[in-house]
PDB file of N, CA and C in Angstrom:
ATOM      1  N   MET A   1       0.839  -1.181   0.000  1.00  0.00           N
ATOM      2  CA  MET A   1       0.000   0.000   0.000  1.00  0.00           C
ATOM      3  C   MET A   1       0.884   1.246   0.000  1.00  0.00           C
ATOM      4  N   ILE A   2       0.439   2.252  -0.690  1.00  0.00           N
ATOM      5  CA  ILE A   2       1.174   3.509  -0.774  1.00  0.00           C
ATOM      6  C   ILE A   2       0.762   4.399   0.395  1.00  0.00           C
ATOM      7  N   LYS A   3       1.743   4.993   1.052  1.00  0.00           N
ATOM      8  CA  LYS A   3       1.475   5.892   2.181  1.00  0.00           C
ATOM      9  C   LYS A   3       1.582   7.335   1.687  1.00  0.00           C
ATOM     10  N   ILE A   4       0.480   8.076   1.766  1.00  0.00           N
ATOM     11  CA  ILE A   4       0.452   9.480   1.342  1.00  0.00           C
ATOM     12  C   ILE A   4       0.110  10.321   2.559  1.00  0.00           C
ATOM     13  N   THR A   5       0.846  11.411   2.737  1.00  0.00           N
ATOM     14  CA  THR A   5       0.512  12.360   3.793  1.00  0.00           C
ATOM     15  C   THR A   5       0.194  13.709   3.149  1.00  0.00           C
ATOM     16  N   ILE A   6      -0.775  14.382   3.709  1.00  0.00           N
ATOM     17  CA  ILE A   6      -1.166  15.689   3.177  1.00  0.00           C
ATOM     18  C   ILE A   6      -0.046  16.676   3.465  1.00  0.00           C
ATOM     19  N   PRO A   7       0.442  17.384   2.433  1.00  0.00           N
ATOM     20  CA  PRO A   7       1.546  18.322   2.646  1.00  0.00           C
ATOM     21  C   PRO A   7       1.142  19.496   3.536  1.00  0.00           C
ATOM     22  N   THR A   8       2.120  20.029   4.237  1.00  0.00           N
ATOM     23  CA  THR A   8       1.909  21.213   5.061  1.00  0.00           C
ATOM     24  C   THR A   8       1.825  22.437   4.154  1.00  0.00           C
ATOM     25  N   PRO A   9       0.820  23.295   4.338  1.00  0.00           N
ATOM     26  CA  PRO A   9       0.689  24.479   3.483  1.00  0.00           C
ATOM     27  C   PRO A   9       1.890  25.421   3.614  1.00  0.00           C
ATOM     28  N   ASN A  10       2.329  25.968   2.478  1.00  0.00           N
ATOM     29  CA  ASN A  10       3.390  26.967   2.457  1.00  0.00           C
ATOM     30  C   ASN A  10       2.826  28.347   2.774  1.00  0.00           C
ATOM     31  N   VAL A  11       1.570  28.582   2.371  1.00  0.00           N
ATOM     32  CA  VAL A  11       0.926  29.879   2.572  1.00  0.00           C
ATOM     33  C   VAL A  11      -0.513  29.640   3.024  1.00  0.00           C
ATOM     34  N   THR A  12      -0.933  30.381   4.039  1.00  0.00           N
ATOM     35  CA  THR A  12      -2.329  30.377   4.471  1.00  0.00           C
ATOM     36  C   THR A  12      -2.773  31.827   4.590  1.00  0.00           C
ATOM     37  N   ILE A  13      -3.867  32.157   3.903  1.00  0.00           N
ATOM     38  CA  ILE A  13      -4.393  33.517   4.002  1.00  0.00           C
ATOM     39  C   ILE A  13      -5.858  33.437   4.432  1.00  0.00           C
ATOM     40  N   THR A  14      -6.303  34.430   5.180  1.00  0.00           N
ATOM     41  CA  THR A  14      -7.683  34.464   5.653  1.00  0.00           C
ATOM     42  C   THR A  14      -8.367  35.743   5.201  1.00  0.00           C
ATOM     43  N   LYS A  15      -9.654  35.639   5.006  1.00  0.00           N
ATOM     44  CA  LYS A  15     -10.463  36.772   4.549  1.00  0.00           C
ATOM     45  C   LYS A  15     -10.672  37.739   5.705  1.00  0.00           C
ATOM     46  N   GLN A  16     -10.604  39.016   5.406  1.00  0.00           N
ATOM     47  CA  GLN A  16     -10.795  40.072   6.404  1.00  0.00           C
ATOM     48  C   GLN A  16     -12.168  40.705   6.221  1.00  0.00           C
ATOM     49  N   ASP A  17     -12.824  41.012   7.317  1.00  0.00           N
ATOM     50  CA  ASP A  17     -14.076  41.765   7.248  1.00  0.00           C
ATOM     51  C   ASP A  17     -13.736  43.250   7.130  1.00  0.00           C
ATOM     52  N   ASN A  18     -14.276  43.899   6.135  1.00  0.00           N
ATOM     53  CA  ASN A  18     -14.026  45.326   5.881  1.00  0.00           C
ATOM     54  C   ASN A  18     -12.531  45.665   5.894  1.00  0.00           C
ATOM     55  N   PRO A  19     -11.752  45.051   4.997  1.00  0.00           N
ATOM     56  CA  PRO A  19     -10.308  45.319   4.997  1.00  0.00           C
ATOM     57  C   PRO A  19     -10.008  46.768   4.650  1.00  0.00           C
ATOM     58  N   LYS A  20      -9.063  47.342   5.366  1.00  0.00           N
ATOM     59  CA  LYS A  20      -8.668  48.734   5.130  1.00  0.00           C
ATOM     60  C   LYS A  20      -7.550  48.814   4.091  1.00  0.00           C
ATOM     61  N   LEU A  21      -6.759  47.753   3.992  1.00  0.00           N
ATOM     62  CA  LEU A  21      -5.676  47.705   3.014  1.00  0.00           C
ATOM     63  C   LEU A  21      -6.211  47.211   1.678  1.00  0.00           C
ATOM     64  N   SER A  22      -5.362  47.315   0.655  1.00  0.00           N
ATOM     65  CA  SER A  22      -5.715  46.797  -0.654  1.00  0.00           C
ATOM     66  C   SER A  22      -6.010  45.300  -0.536  1.00  0.00           C
ATOM     67  N   ASN A  23      -7.082  44.858  -1.176  1.00  0.00           N
ATOM     68  CA  ASN A  23      -7.449  43.452  -1.054  1.00  0.00           C
ATOM     69  C   ASN A  23      -7.983  42.911  -2.362  1.00  0.00           C
ATOM     70  N   ILE A  24      -7.938  41.604  -2.469  1.00  0.00           N
ATOM     71  CA  ILE A  24      -8.527  40.896  -3.599  1.00  0.00           C
ATOM     72  C   ILE A  24      -9.555  39.948  -3.007  1.00  0.00           C
ATOM     73  N   TYR A  25     -10.828  40.205  -3.266  1.00  0.00           N
ATOM     74  CA  TYR A  25     -11.932  39.388  -2.766  1.00  0.00           C
ATOM     75  C   TYR A  25     -11.916  39.269  -1.244  1.00  0.00           C
ATOM     76  N   GLY A  26     -11.431  40.305  -0.561  1.00  0.00           N
ATOM     77  CA  GLY A  26     -11.399  40.321   0.897  1.00  0.00           C
ATOM     78  C   GLY A  26     -10.129  39.759   1.502  1.00  0.00           C
ATOM     79  N   PHE A  27      -9.246  39.248   0.667  1.00  0.00           N
ATOM     80  CA  PHE A  27      -7.971  38.686   1.137  1.00  0.00           C
ATOM     81  C   PHE A  27      -6.872  39.733   0.950  1.00  0.00           C
ATOM     82  N   THR A  28      -6.367  40.287   2.048  1.00  0.00           N
ATOM     83  CA  THR A  28      -5.342  41.328   1.957  1.00  0.00           C
ATOM     84  C   THR A  28      -3.958  40.736   1.695  1.00  0.00           C
ATOM     85  N   ASP A  29      -3.759  39.447   1.977  1.00  0.00           N
ATOM     86  CA  ASP A  29      -2.446  38.813   1.785  1.00  0.00           C
ATOM     87  C   ASP A  29      -2.374  37.974   0.521  1.00  0.00           C
ATOM     88  N   PHE A  30      -3.216  38.272  -0.464  1.00  0.00           N
ATOM     89  CA  PHE A  30      -3.245  37.505  -1.706  1.00  0.00           C
ATOM     90  C   PHE A  30      -1.885  37.496  -2.399  1.00  0.00           C
ATOM     91  N   HIS A  31      -1.113  38.570  -2.187  1.00  0.00           N
ATOM     92  CA  HIS A  31       0.210  38.683  -2.811  1.00  0.00           C
ATOM     93  C   HIS A  31       1.192  37.614  -2.303  1.00  0.00           C
ATOM     94  N   LEU A  32       0.895  36.967  -1.190  1.00  0.00           N
ATOM     95  CA  LEU A  32       1.783  35.925  -0.650  1.00  0.00           C
ATOM     96  C   LEU A  32       1.700  34.621  -1.431  1.00  0.00           C
ATOM     97  N   ILE A  33       0.648  34.447  -2.206  1.00  0.00           N
ATOM     98  CA  ILE A  33       0.499  33.232  -3.018  1.00  0.00           C
ATOM     99  C   ILE A  33       1.456  33.348  -4.202  1.00  0.00           C
ATOM    100  N   PRO A  34       2.298  32.329  -4.424  1.00  0.00           N
ATOM    101  CA  PRO A  34       3.264  32.396  -5.525  1.00  0.00           C
ATOM    102  C   PRO A  34       2.568  32.546  -6.879  1.00  0.00           C
ATOM    103  N   ARG A  35       3.117  33.409  -7.704  1.00  0.00           N
ATOM    104  CA  ARG A  35       2.545  33.681  -9.019  1.00  0.00           C
ATOM    105  C   ARG A  35       2.979  32.638 -10.051  1.00  0.00           C
ATOM    106  N   ASP A  36       4.255  32.239 -10.015  1.00  0.00           N
ATOM    107  CA  ASP A  36       4.800  31.375 -11.066  1.00  0.00           C
ATOM    108  C   ASP A  36       5.179  29.986 -10.577  1.00  0.00           C
ATOM    109  N   LYS A  37       4.603  29.540  -9.491  1.00  0.00           N
ATOM    110  CA  LYS A  37       4.882  28.196  -8.983  1.00  0.00           C
ATOM    111  C   LYS A  37       3.620  27.358  -9.062  1.00  0.00           C
ATOM    112  N   GLY A  38       3.833  26.052  -9.213  1.00  0.00           N
ATOM    113  CA  GLY A  38       2.719  25.123  -9.270  1.00  0.00           C
ATOM    114  C   GLY A  38       2.422  24.554  -7.899  1.00  0.00           C
ATOM    115  N   GLY A  39       1.230  24.014  -7.750  1.00  0.00           N
ATOM    116  CA  GLY A  39       0.879  23.401  -6.481  1.00  0.00           C
ATOM    117  C   GLY A  39      -0.598  23.110  -6.374  1.00  0.00           C
ATOM    118  N   ILE A  40      -1.030  22.908  -5.143  1.00  0.00           N
ATOM    119  CA  ILE A  40      -2.438  22.668  -4.870  1.00  0.00           C
ATOM    120  C   ILE A  40      -2.949  23.748  -3.926  1.00  0.00           C
ATOM    121  N   PHE A  41      -4.246  23.993  -3.984  1.00  0.00           N
ATOM    122  CA  PHE A  41      -4.857  24.985  -3.100  1.00  0.00           C
ATOM    123  C   PHE A  41      -6.141  24.416  -2.533  1.00  0.00           C
ATOM    124  N   MET A  42      -6.465  24.877  -1.323  1.00  0.00           N
ATOM    125  CA  MET A  42      -7.650  24.400  -0.626  1.00  0.00           C
ATOM    126  C   MET A  42      -8.439  25.591  -0.102  1.00  0.00           C
ATOM    127  N   PHE A  43      -9.731  25.617  -0.372  1.00  0.00           N
ATOM    128  CA  PHE A  43     -10.619  26.657   0.114  1.00  0.00           C
ATOM    129  C   PHE A  43     -11.405  26.115   1.305  1.00  0.00           C
ATOM    130  N   TYR A  44     -11.443  26.895   2.393  1.00  0.00           N
ATOM    131  CA  TYR A  44     -12.168  26.512   3.607  1.00  0.00           C
ATOM    132  C   TYR A  44     -13.218  27.560   3.944  1.00  0.00           C
ATOM    133  N   ASN A  45     -14.255  27.145   4.664  1.00  0.00           N
ATOM    134  CA  ASN A  45     -15.248  28.104   5.144  1.00  0.00           C
ATOM    135  C   ASN A  45     -14.919  28.504   6.579  1.00  0.00           C
ATOM    136  N   GLY A  46     -15.760  29.325   7.186  1.00  0.00           N
ATOM    137  CA  GLY A  46     -15.521  29.828   8.538  1.00  0.00           C
ATOM    138  C   GLY A  46     -15.524  28.761   9.612  1.00  0.00           C
ATOM    139  N   ASN A  47     -16.127  27.609   9.336  1.00  0.00           N
ATOM    140  CA  ASN A  47     -16.163  26.508  10.299  1.00  0.00           C
ATOM    141  C   ASN A  47     -14.990  25.547  10.132  1.00  0.00           C
ATOM    142  N   GLY A  48     -14.079  25.866   9.202  1.00  0.00           N
ATOM    143  CA  GLY A  48     -12.935  24.994   8.956  1.00  0.00           C
ATOM    144  C   GLY A  48     -13.254  23.819   8.048  1.00  0.00           C
ATOM    145  N   GLU A  49     -14.421  23.848   7.422  1.00  0.00           N
ATOM    146  CA  GLU A  49     -14.831  22.766   6.529  1.00  0.00           C
ATOM    147  C   GLU A  49     -14.189  22.973   5.155  1.00  0.00           C
ATOM    148  N   LEU A  50     -13.600  21.910   4.607  1.00  0.00           N
ATOM    149  CA  LEU A  50     -12.964  21.986   3.293  1.00  0.00           C
ATOM    150  C   LEU A  50     -14.042  22.086   2.222  1.00  0.00           C
ATOM    151  N   LEU A  51     -13.978  23.158   1.432  1.00  0.00           N
ATOM    152  CA  LEU A  51     -14.970  23.383   0.391  1.00  0.00           C
ATOM    153  C   LEU A  51     -14.512  22.865  -0.958  1.00  0.00           C
ATOM    154  N   PHE A  52     -13.248  23.141  -1.311  1.00  0.00           N
ATOM    155  CA  PHE A  52     -12.781  22.829  -2.661  1.00  0.00           C
ATOM    156  C   PHE A  52     -11.271  22.652  -2.663  1.00  0.00           C
ATOM    157  N   VAL A  53     -10.790  21.721  -3.469  1.00  0.00           N
ATOM    158  CA  VAL A  53      -9.359  21.491  -3.666  1.00  0.00           C
ATOM    159  C   VAL A  53      -9.079  21.594  -5.160  1.00  0.00           C
ATOM    160  N   GLY A  54      -8.008  22.281  -5.514  1.00  0.00           N
ATOM    161  CA  GLY A  54      -7.630  22.397  -6.916  1.00  0.00           C
ATOM    162  C   GLY A  54      -6.130  22.361  -7.064  1.00  0.00           C
ATOM    163  N   LYS A  55      -5.691  22.234  -8.300  1.00  0.00           N
ATOM    164  CA  LYS A  55      -4.260  22.237  -8.593  1.00  0.00           C
ATOM    165  C   LYS A  55      -4.004  23.214  -9.736  1.00  0.00           C
ATOM    166  N   ALA A  56      -2.758  23.669  -9.843  1.00  0.00           N
ATOM    167  CA  ALA A  56      -2.442  24.635 -10.884  1.00  0.00           C
ATOM    168  C   ALA A  56      -0.955  24.652 -11.184  1.00  0.00           C
ATOM    169  N   ARG A  57      -0.625  24.981 -12.431  1.00  0.00           N
ATOM    170  CA  ARG A  57       0.786  25.197 -12.790  1.00  0.00           C
ATOM    171  C   ARG A  57       1.251  26.552 -12.290  1.00  0.00           C
ATOM    172  N   LYS A  58       0.327  27.513 -12.257  1.00  0.00           N
ATOM    173  CA  LYS A  58       0.600  28.857 -11.737  1.00  0.00           C
ATOM    174  C   LYS A  58      -0.518  29.171 -10.753  1.00  0.00           C
ATOM    175  N   LEU A  59      -0.164  29.191  -9.478  1.00  0.00           N
ATOM    176  CA  LEU A  59      -1.164  29.224  -8.417  1.00  0.00           C
ATOM    177  C   LEU A  59      -2.016  30.494  -8.357  1.00  0.00           C
ATOM    178  N   ARG A  60      -1.380  31.647  -8.258  1.00  0.00           N
ATOM    179  CA  ARG A  60      -2.152  32.876  -8.037  1.00  0.00           C
ATOM    180  C   ARG A  60      -3.170  33.142  -9.148  1.00  0.00           C
ATOM    181  N   PRO A  61      -2.780  33.069 -10.436  1.00  0.00           N
ATOM    182  CA  PRO A  61      -3.787  33.316 -11.478  1.00  0.00           C
ATOM    183  C   PRO A  61      -4.938  32.301 -11.444  1.00  0.00           C
ATOM    184  N   ARG A  62      -4.631  31.055 -11.113  1.00  0.00           N
ATOM    185  CA  ARG A  62      -5.684  30.030 -11.088  1.00  0.00           C
ATOM    186  C   ARG A  62      -6.661  30.274  -9.935  1.00  0.00           C
ATOM    187  N   ILE A  63      -6.133  30.637  -8.779  1.00  0.00           N
ATOM    188  CA  ILE A  63      -7.000  30.901  -7.638  1.00  0.00           C
ATOM    189  C   ILE A  63      -7.887  32.119  -7.929  1.00  0.00           C
ATOM    190  N   LYS A  64      -7.314  33.157  -8.537  1.00  0.00           N
ATOM    191  CA  LYS A  64      -8.097  34.345  -8.893  1.00  0.00           C
ATOM    192  C   LYS A  64      -9.239  33.992  -9.839  1.00  0.00           C
ATOM    193  N   LYS A  65      -8.974  33.059 -10.778  1.00  0.00           N
ATOM    194  CA  LYS A  65     -10.009  32.663 -11.737  1.00  0.00           C
ATOM    195  C   LYS A  65     -11.214  32.056 -11.041  1.00  0.00           C
ATOM    196  N   HIS A  66     -10.991  31.358  -9.936  1.00  0.00           N
ATOM    197  CA  HIS A  66     -12.117  30.759  -9.221  1.00  0.00           C
ATOM    198  C   HIS A  66     -13.054  31.824  -8.653  1.00  0.00           C
ATOM    199  N   PHE A  67     -12.535  33.011  -8.412  1.00  0.00           N
ATOM    200  CA  PHE A  67     -13.373  34.091  -7.889  1.00  0.00           C
ATOM    201  C   PHE A  67     -13.988  34.933  -9.009  1.00  0.00           C
ATOM    202  N   GLU A  68     -13.529  34.738 -10.249  1.00  0.00           N
ATOM    203  CA  GLU A  68     -14.012  35.536 -11.375  1.00  0.00           C
ATOM    204  C   GLU A  68     -14.796  34.720 -12.397  1.00  0.00           C
ATOM    205  N   ASP A  69     -14.464  33.467 -12.548  1.00  0.00           N
ATOM    206  CA  ASP A  69     -14.994  32.600 -13.595  1.00  0.00           C
ATOM    207  C   ASP A  69     -16.477  32.337 -13.440  1.00  0.00           C
ATOM    208  N   THR A  70     -17.162  32.201 -14.563  1.00  0.00           N
ATOM    209  CA  THR A  70     -18.581  31.844 -14.519  1.00  0.00           C
ATOM    210  C   THR A  70     -18.773  30.331 -14.545  1.00  0.00           C
ATOM    211  N   VAL A  71     -17.695  29.573 -14.773  1.00  0.00           N
ATOM    212  CA  VAL A  71     -17.805  28.113 -14.834  1.00  0.00           C
ATOM    213  C   VAL A  71     -17.126  27.427 -13.649  1.00  0.00           C
ATOM    214  N   SER A  72     -16.628  28.171 -12.707  1.00  0.00           N
ATOM    215  CA  SER A  72     -15.971  27.586 -11.542  1.00  0.00           C
ATOM    216  C   SER A  72     -16.965  26.761 -10.721  1.00  0.00           C
ATOM    217  N   PRO A  73     -16.539  25.603 -10.218  1.00  0.00           N
ATOM    218  CA  PRO A  73     -17.436  24.792  -9.390  1.00  0.00           C
ATOM    219  C   PRO A  73     -17.883  25.502  -8.105  1.00  0.00           C
ATOM    220  N   ILE A  74     -17.155  26.520  -7.678  1.00  0.00           N
ATOM    221  CA  ILE A  74     -17.533  27.223  -6.445  1.00  0.00           C
ATOM    222  C   ILE A  74     -18.202  28.565  -6.714  1.00  0.00           C
ATOM    223  N   LYS A  75     -18.607  28.814  -7.963  1.00  0.00           N
ATOM    224  CA  LYS A  75     -19.150  30.133  -8.311  1.00  0.00           C
ATOM    225  C   LYS A  75     -20.339  30.547  -7.439  1.00  0.00           C
ATOM    226  N   MET A  76     -21.163  29.609  -7.022  1.00  0.00           N
ATOM    227  CA  MET A  76     -22.323  29.934  -6.186  1.00  0.00           C
ATOM    228  C   MET A  76     -21.950  30.007  -4.704  1.00  0.00           C
ATOM    229  N   HIS A  77     -20.715  29.640  -4.366  1.00  0.00           N
ATOM    230  CA  HIS A  77     -20.308  29.533  -2.961  1.00  0.00           C
ATOM    231  C   HIS A  77     -19.069  30.367  -2.636  1.00  0.00           C
ATOM    232  N   ARG A  78     -18.729  31.315  -3.485  1.00  0.00           N
ATOM    233  CA  ARG A  78     -17.522  32.130  -3.282  1.00  0.00           C
ATOM    234  C   ARG A  78     -17.534  32.870  -1.956  1.00  0.00           C
ATOM    235  N   ASP A  79     -18.694  33.310  -1.537  1.00  0.00           N
ATOM    236  CA  ASP A  79     -18.794  34.066  -0.283  1.00  0.00           C
ATOM    237  C   ASP A  79     -18.496  33.206   0.939  1.00  0.00           C
ATOM    238  N   GLU A  80     -18.585  31.898   0.797  1.00  0.00           N
ATOM    239  CA  GLU A  80     -18.296  30.989   1.913  1.00  0.00           C
ATOM    240  C   GLU A  80     -16.799  30.895   2.204  1.00  0.00           C
ATOM    241  N   VAL A  81     -15.964  31.153   1.203  1.00  0.00           N
ATOM    242  CA  VAL A  81     -14.519  30.966   1.350  1.00  0.00           C
ATOM    243  C   VAL A  81     -13.952  32.020   2.297  1.00  0.00           C
ATOM    244  N   THR A  82     -13.370  31.561   3.412  1.00  0.00           N
ATOM    245  CA  THR A  82     -12.767  32.485   4.381  1.00  0.00           C
ATOM    246  C   THR A  82     -11.282  32.209   4.582  1.00  0.00           C
ATOM    247  N   LYS A  83     -10.808  31.054   4.092  1.00  0.00           N
ATOM    248  CA  LYS A  83      -9.388  30.725   4.240  1.00  0.00           C
ATOM    249  C   LYS A  83      -8.922  29.973   3.011  1.00  0.00           C
ATOM    250  N   ILE A  84      -7.719  30.315   2.553  1.00  0.00           N
ATOM    251  CA  ILE A  84      -7.101  29.619   1.430  1.00  0.00           C
ATOM    252  C   ILE A  84      -5.747  29.102   1.894  1.00  0.00           C
ATOM    253  N   GLU A  85      -5.515  27.812   1.700  1.00  0.00           N
ATOM    254  CA  GLU A  85      -4.211  27.215   1.985  1.00  0.00           C
ATOM    255  C   GLU A  85      -3.585  26.793   0.670  1.00  0.00           C
ATOM    256  N   VAL A  86      -2.282  27.053   0.538  1.00  0.00           N
ATOM    257  CA  VAL A  86      -1.561  26.753  -0.687  1.00  0.00           C
ATOM    258  C   VAL A  86      -0.337  25.911  -0.362  1.00  0.00           C
ATOM    259  N   CYS A  87      -0.152  24.829  -1.115  1.00  0.00           N
ATOM    260  CA  CYS A  87       1.029  23.976  -0.988  1.00  0.00           C
ATOM    261  C   CYS A  87       1.757  24.010  -2.328  1.00  0.00           C
ATOM    262  N   THR A  88       3.010  24.419  -2.329  1.00  0.00           N
ATOM    263  CA  THR A  88       3.797  24.469  -3.545  1.00  0.00           C
ATOM    264  C   THR A  88       4.300  23.064  -3.869  1.00  0.00           C
ATOM    265  N   ILE A  89       3.922  22.558  -5.034  1.00  0.00           N
ATOM    266  CA  ILE A  89       4.330  21.232  -5.497  1.00  0.00           C
ATOM    267  C   ILE A  89       4.603  21.365  -6.990  1.00  0.00           C
ATOM    268  N   GLU A  90       5.858  21.283  -7.366  1.00  0.00           N
ATOM    269  CA  GLU A  90       6.231  21.529  -8.760  1.00  0.00           C
ATOM    270  C   GLU A  90       5.929  20.356  -9.694  1.00  0.00           C
ATOM    271  N   ASN A  91       6.046  19.130  -9.226  1.00  0.00           N
ATOM    272  CA  ASN A  91       5.854  17.966 -10.084  1.00  0.00           C
ATOM    273  C   ASN A  91       4.369  17.781 -10.400  1.00  0.00           C
ATOM    274  N   PRO A  92       3.984  17.787 -11.698  1.00  0.00           N
ATOM    275  CA  PRO A  92       2.568  17.689 -12.050  1.00  0.00           C
ATOM    276  C   PRO A  92       1.920  16.365 -11.632  1.00  0.00           C
ATOM    277  N   VAL A  93       2.673  15.277 -11.652  1.00  0.00           N
ATOM    278  CA  VAL A  93       2.123  13.989 -11.229  1.00  0.00           C
ATOM    279  C   VAL A  93       1.831  14.014  -9.731  1.00  0.00           C
ATOM    280  N   ASP A  94       2.745  14.582  -8.957  1.00  0.00           N
ATOM    281  CA  ASP A  94       2.535  14.703  -7.516  1.00  0.00           C
ATOM    282  C   ASP A  94       1.318  15.576  -7.207  1.00  0.00           C
ATOM    283  N   ARG A  95       1.147  16.666  -7.960  1.00  0.00           N
ATOM    284  CA  ARG A  95      -0.021  17.543  -7.773  1.00  0.00           C
ATOM    285  C   ARG A  95      -1.311  16.761  -7.986  1.00  0.00           C
ATOM    286  N   GLU A  96      -1.348  15.975  -9.022  1.00  0.00           N
ATOM    287  CA  GLU A  96      -2.536  15.177  -9.341  1.00  0.00           C
ATOM    288  C   GLU A  96      -2.859  14.190  -8.219  1.00  0.00           C
ATOM    289  N   ILE A  97      -1.831  13.515  -7.724  1.00  0.00           N
ATOM    290  CA  ILE A  97      -2.020  12.535  -6.656  1.00  0.00           C
ATOM    291  C   ILE A  97      -2.505  13.210  -5.384  1.00  0.00           C
ATOM    292  N   TYR A  98      -1.847  14.291  -4.985  1.00  0.00           N
ATOM    293  CA  TYR A  98      -2.251  15.006  -3.766  1.00  0.00           C
ATOM    294  C   TYR A  98      -3.670  15.545  -3.878  1.00  0.00           C
ATOM    295  N   GLU A  99      -4.006  16.128  -5.017  1.00  0.00           N
ATOM    296  CA  GLU A  99      -5.345  16.687  -5.186  1.00  0.00           C
ATOM    297  C   GLU A  99      -6.408  15.601  -5.001  1.00  0.00           C
ATOM    298  N   THR A 100      -6.255  14.487  -5.698  1.00  0.00           N
ATOM    299  CA  THR A 100      -7.223  13.394  -5.600  1.00  0.00           C
ATOM    300  C   THR A 100      -7.282  12.839  -4.185  1.00  0.00           C
ATOM    301  N   TYR A 101      -6.131  12.684  -3.558  1.00  0.00           N
ATOM    302  CA  TYR A 101      -6.083  12.146  -2.199  1.00  0.00           C
ATOM    303  C   TYR A 101      -6.794  13.071  -1.208  1.00  0.00           C
ATOM    304  N   ILE A 102      -6.503  14.373  -1.274  1.00  0.00           N
ATOM    305  CA  ILE A 102      -7.100  15.331  -0.338  1.00  0.00           C
ATOM    306  C   ILE A 102      -8.611  15.428  -0.540  1.00  0.00           C
ATOM    307  N   ILE A 103      -9.053  15.447  -1.797  1.00  0.00           N
ATOM    308  CA  ILE A 103     -10.489  15.506  -2.086  1.00  0.00           C
ATOM    309  C   ILE A 103     -11.212  14.366  -1.387  1.00  0.00           C
ATOM    310  N   ASN A 104     -10.662  13.180  -1.478  1.00  0.00           N
ATOM    311  CA  ASN A 104     -11.335  12.004  -0.936  1.00  0.00           C
ATOM    312  C   ASN A 104     -11.083  11.779   0.543  1.00  0.00           C
ATOM    313  N   GLU A 105      -9.907  12.127   1.022  1.00  0.00           N
ATOM    314  CA  GLU A 105      -9.593  11.931   2.439  1.00  0.00           C
ATOM    315  C   GLU A 105     -10.330  12.941   3.325  1.00  0.00           C
ATOM    316  N   LEU A 106     -10.347  14.206   2.890  1.00  0.00           N
ATOM    317  CA  LEU A 106     -10.988  15.258   3.689  1.00  0.00           C
ATOM    318  C   LEU A 106     -12.411  15.570   3.222  1.00  0.00           C
ATOM    319  N   LYS A 107     -12.870  14.876   2.191  1.00  0.00           N
ATOM    320  CA  LYS A 107     -14.237  14.993   1.672  1.00  0.00           C
ATOM    321  C   LYS A 107     -14.620  16.429   1.317  1.00  0.00           C
ATOM    322  N   ALA A 108     -13.901  16.972   0.347  1.00  0.00           N
ATOM    323  CA  ALA A 108     -14.147  18.334  -0.113  1.00  0.00           C
ATOM    324  C   ALA A 108     -15.588  18.473  -0.616  1.00  0.00           C
ATOM    325  N   LYS A 109     -16.263  19.481  -0.131  1.00  0.00           N
ATOM    326  CA  LYS A 109     -17.707  19.651  -0.337  1.00  0.00           C
ATOM    327  C   LYS A 109     -18.116  19.917  -1.786  1.00  0.00           C
ATOM    328  N   TYR A 110     -17.365  20.751  -2.511  1.00  0.00           N
ATOM    329  CA  TYR A 110     -17.786  21.159  -3.844  1.00  0.00           C
ATOM    330  C   TYR A 110     -16.961  20.575  -4.985  1.00  0.00           C
ATOM    331  N   ASN A 111     -16.088  19.644  -4.708  1.00  0.00           N
ATOM    332  CA  ASN A 111     -15.390  18.952  -5.788  1.00  0.00           C
ATOM    333  C   ASN A 111     -16.337  17.887  -6.337  1.00  0.00           C
ATOM    334  N   VAL A 112     -16.514  17.868  -7.647  1.00  0.00           N
ATOM    335  CA  VAL A 112     -17.401  16.883  -8.248  1.00  0.00           C
ATOM    336  C   VAL A 112     -16.626  15.828  -9.026  1.00  0.00           C
ATOM    337  N   ASP A 113     -15.465  16.188  -9.538  1.00  0.00           N
ATOM    338  CA  ASP A 113     -14.606  15.220 -10.229  1.00  0.00           C
ATOM    339  C   ASP A 113     -13.684  14.562  -9.216  1.00  0.00           C
ATOM    340  N   LYS A 114     -13.211  13.388  -9.532  1.00  0.00           N
ATOM    341  CA  LYS A 114     -12.221  12.668  -8.716  1.00  0.00           C
ATOM    342  C   LYS A 114     -12.764  12.270  -7.350  1.00  0.00           C
ATOM    343  N   VAL A 115     -14.061  12.170  -7.208  1.00  0.00           N
ATOM    344  CA  VAL A 115     -14.664  11.843  -5.911  1.00  0.00           C
ATOM    345  C   VAL A 115     -14.996  10.364  -5.869  1.00  0.00           C
ATOM    346  N   PHE A 116     -14.494   9.699  -4.835  1.00  0.00           N
ATOM    347  CA  PHE A 116     -14.761   8.272  -4.657  1.00  0.00           C
ATOM    348  C   PHE A 116     -15.591   7.991  -3.416  1.00  0.00           C
ATOM    349  N   PHE A 117     -15.847   8.999  -2.572  1.00  0.00           N
ATOM    350  CA  PHE A 117     -16.483   8.765  -1.292  1.00  0.00           C
ATOM    351  C   PHE A 117     -18.005   8.898  -1.325  1.00  0.00           C
ATOM    352  N   ARG A 118     -18.603   9.351  -2.394  1.00  0.00           N
ATOM    353  CA  ARG A 118     -20.066   9.553  -2.424  1.00  0.00           C
ATOM    354  C   ARG A 118     -20.784   8.283  -2.791  1.00  0.00           C
TER     355      ARG A 118
END
């Protein structure tokens, strides 16, 4: 059997209520997410419940698209997102494995693909 452990996030940002500083979708620390690195990202709600897991070759632009896109799986639930965790993982095969594992192990609420637990 293969032993997989969920990677420790490199960056965690939380949504601010009425942020006074420059912000993107309520996240004032959005600039901490790497622009040109690949990895996985996890969206959480205020109760700490995992909402969505995704992967990207370039993290920051992909995460921004989830807040702008009309086809994003979380488009109806964007307001629920209060925390974003990012793990930098350069190898695309590793990203795929981690994404699928996290979706099923932590039972991500709005992931519809790669789900084996329903």
